């Protein structure tokens, strides 16, 4: 999914229950920052250099899905 963010944008905005859960989950991650880079790697196999880098990426995803970001963010190499 992380490399195909463009494919999920419309679904993230379509008003469905899935879209609402996705937005709530992403906002929870950004507000609480519960995942470490090690935990994120174990879930996604994408390595971020720091938690700040991870959460900056997630903030960019949020801005792409729900804000005014035009281009999807680019994830680090897996």
C-alpha atoms as a PDB file:
ATOM      1  CA  UNK A   1       0.000   0.000   0.000  1.00  0.00           C
ATOM      2  CA  UNK A   2       2.733   2.462   0.906  1.00  0.00           C
ATOM      3  CA  UNK A   3       4.045   2.551  -2.679  1.00  0.00           C
ATOM      4  CA  UNK A   4       0.547   2.825  -4.136  1.00  0.00           C
ATOM      5  CA  UNK A   5      -0.780   5.767  -2.141  1.00  0.00           C
ATOM      6  CA  UNK A   6      -2.156   7.402  -5.295  1.00  0.00           C
ATOM      7  CA  UNK A   7      -4.513   4.449  -5.786  1.00  0.00           C
ATOM      8  CA  UNK A   8      -6.088   4.951  -2.356  1.00  0.00           C
ATOM      9  CA  UNK A   9      -6.775   8.690  -2.453  1.00  0.00           C
ATOM     10  CA  UNK A  10     -10.279   8.521  -3.906  1.00  0.00           C
ATOM     11  CA  UNK A  11     -11.263   5.748  -1.497  1.00  0.00           C
ATOM     12  CA  UNK A  12      -9.909   7.749   1.422  1.00  0.00           C
ATOM     13  CA  UNK A  13     -12.276  10.587   0.485  1.00  0.00           C
ATOM     14  CA  UNK A  14     -15.419   8.753  -0.604  1.00  0.00           C
ATOM     15  CA  UNK A  15     -17.421   9.106   2.618  1.00  0.00           C
ATOM     16  CA  UNK A  16     -17.622   5.356   3.222  1.00  0.00           C
ATOM     17  CA  UNK A  17     -17.221   3.753   6.657  1.00  0.00           C
ATOM     18  CA  UNK A  18     -13.798   2.521   5.487  1.00  0.00           C
ATOM     19  CA  UNK A  19     -12.770   6.082   4.613  1.00  0.00           C
ATOM     20  CA  UNK A  20     -13.918   7.329   8.021  1.00  0.00           C
ATOM     21  CA  UNK A  21     -11.930   4.596   9.811  1.00  0.00           C
ATOM     22  CA  UNK A  22      -8.860   5.300   7.707  1.00  0.00           C
ATOM     23  CA  UNK A  23      -8.980   9.011   8.490  1.00  0.00           C
ATOM     24  CA  UNK A  24      -9.591   8.421  12.206  1.00  0.00           C
ATOM     25  CA  UNK A  25      -6.736   5.914  12.335  1.00  0.00           C
ATOM     26  CA  UNK A  26      -4.326   8.219  10.540  1.00  0.00           C
ATOM     27  CA  UNK A  27      -5.273  11.138  12.784  1.00  0.00           C
ATOM     28  CA  UNK A  28      -4.810   8.930  15.862  1.00  0.00           C
ATOM     29  CA  UNK A  29      -1.326   7.972  14.661  1.00  0.00           C
ATOM     30  CA  UNK A  30      -0.421  11.613  14.106  1.00  0.00           C
ATOM     31  CA  UNK A  31      -1.811  12.795  17.447  1.00  0.00           C
ATOM     32  CA  UNK A  32      -0.549   9.965  19.658  1.00  0.00           C
ATOM     33  CA  UNK A  33       2.582   8.800  17.763  1.00  0.00           C
ATOM     34  CA  UNK A  34       2.234   5.307  19.251  1.00  0.00           C
ATOM     35  CA  UNK A  35       4.453   3.406  16.792  1.00  0.00           C
ATOM     36  CA  UNK A  36       8.222   3.312  16.832  1.00  0.00           C
ATOM     37  CA  UNK A  37      10.224   2.952  13.628  1.00  0.00           C
ATOM     38  CA  UNK A  38      10.963  -0.642  14.664  1.00  0.00           C
ATOM     39  CA  UNK A  39       7.260  -1.421  15.086  1.00  0.00           C
ATOM     40  CA  UNK A  40       6.442   0.292  11.796  1.00  0.00           C
ATOM     41  CA  UNK A  41       9.122  -1.749  10.031  1.00  0.00           C
ATOM     42  CA  UNK A  42       7.735  -4.998  11.465  1.00  0.00           C
ATOM     43  CA  UNK A  43       4.276  -4.105  10.086  1.00  0.00           C
ATOM     44  CA  UNK A  44       5.213  -2.638   6.718  1.00  0.00           C
ATOM     45  CA  UNK A  45       8.840  -3.569   5.982  1.00  0.00           C
ATOM     46  CA  UNK A  46       9.596   0.107   5.358  1.00  0.00           C
ATOM     47  CA  UNK A  47      12.463   1.532   7.377  1.00  0.00           C
ATOM     48  CA  UNK A  48      12.436   5.136   8.482  1.00  0.00           C
ATOM     49  CA  UNK A  49      15.558   6.667   9.991  1.00  0.00           C
ATOM     50  CA  UNK A  50      13.714   8.268  12.891  1.00  0.00           C
ATOM     51  CA  UNK A  51      10.279   8.595  14.385  1.00  0.00           C
ATOM     52  CA  UNK A  52      10.203  12.204  13.202  1.00  0.00           C
ATOM     53  CA  UNK A  53      10.766  11.023   9.621  1.00  0.00           C
ATOM     54  CA  UNK A  54       8.021   8.394   9.994  1.00  0.00           C
ATOM     55  CA  UNK A  55       5.478  10.851  11.334  1.00  0.00           C
ATOM     56  CA  UNK A  56       6.423  13.518   8.781  1.00  0.00           C
ATOM     57  CA  UNK A  57       5.674  10.927   6.097  1.00  0.00           C
ATOM     58  CA  UNK A  58       2.313  10.096   7.712  1.00  0.00           C
ATOM     59  CA  UNK A  59       1.513  13.819   7.948  1.00  0.00           C
ATOM     60  CA  UNK A  60       2.267  14.089   4.227  1.00  0.00           C
ATOM     61  CA  UNK A  61      -0.067  11.143   3.551  1.00  0.00           C
ATOM     62  CA  UNK A  62      -2.782  12.919   5.550  1.00  0.00           C
ATOM     63  CA  UNK A  63      -2.199  16.142   3.607  1.00  0.00           C
ATOM     64  CA  UNK A  64      -2.382  14.210   0.330  1.00  0.00           C
ATOM     65  CA  UNK A  65      -5.586  12.389   1.257  1.00  0.00           C
ATOM     66  CA  UNK A  66      -7.421  15.189   3.062  1.00  0.00           C
ATOM     67  CA  UNK A  67      -5.546  18.425   2.516  1.00  0.00           C
ATOM     68  CA  UNK A  68      -4.122  20.368  -0.380  1.00  0.00           C
ATOM     69  CA  UNK A  69      -1.031  18.283  -1.135  1.00  0.00           C
ATOM     70  CA  UNK A  70      -1.069  17.546  -4.872  1.00  0.00           C
ATOM     71  CA  UNK A  71       1.648  14.896  -5.178  1.00  0.00           C
ATOM     72  CA  UNK A  72       1.716  11.718  -3.098  1.00  0.00           C
ATOM     73  CA  UNK A  73       4.568  11.450  -0.620  1.00  0.00           C
ATOM     74  CA  UNK A  74       7.429   9.116  -1.447  1.00  0.00           C
ATOM     75  CA  UNK A  75       8.233   6.404   1.050  1.00  0.00           C
ATOM     76  CA  UNK A  76      11.762   5.248   1.772  1.00  0.00           C
ATOM     77  CA  UNK A  77      12.993   2.162  -0.036  1.00  0.00           C
ATOM     78  CA  UNK A  78      11.861  -1.045   1.678  1.00  0.00           C
END
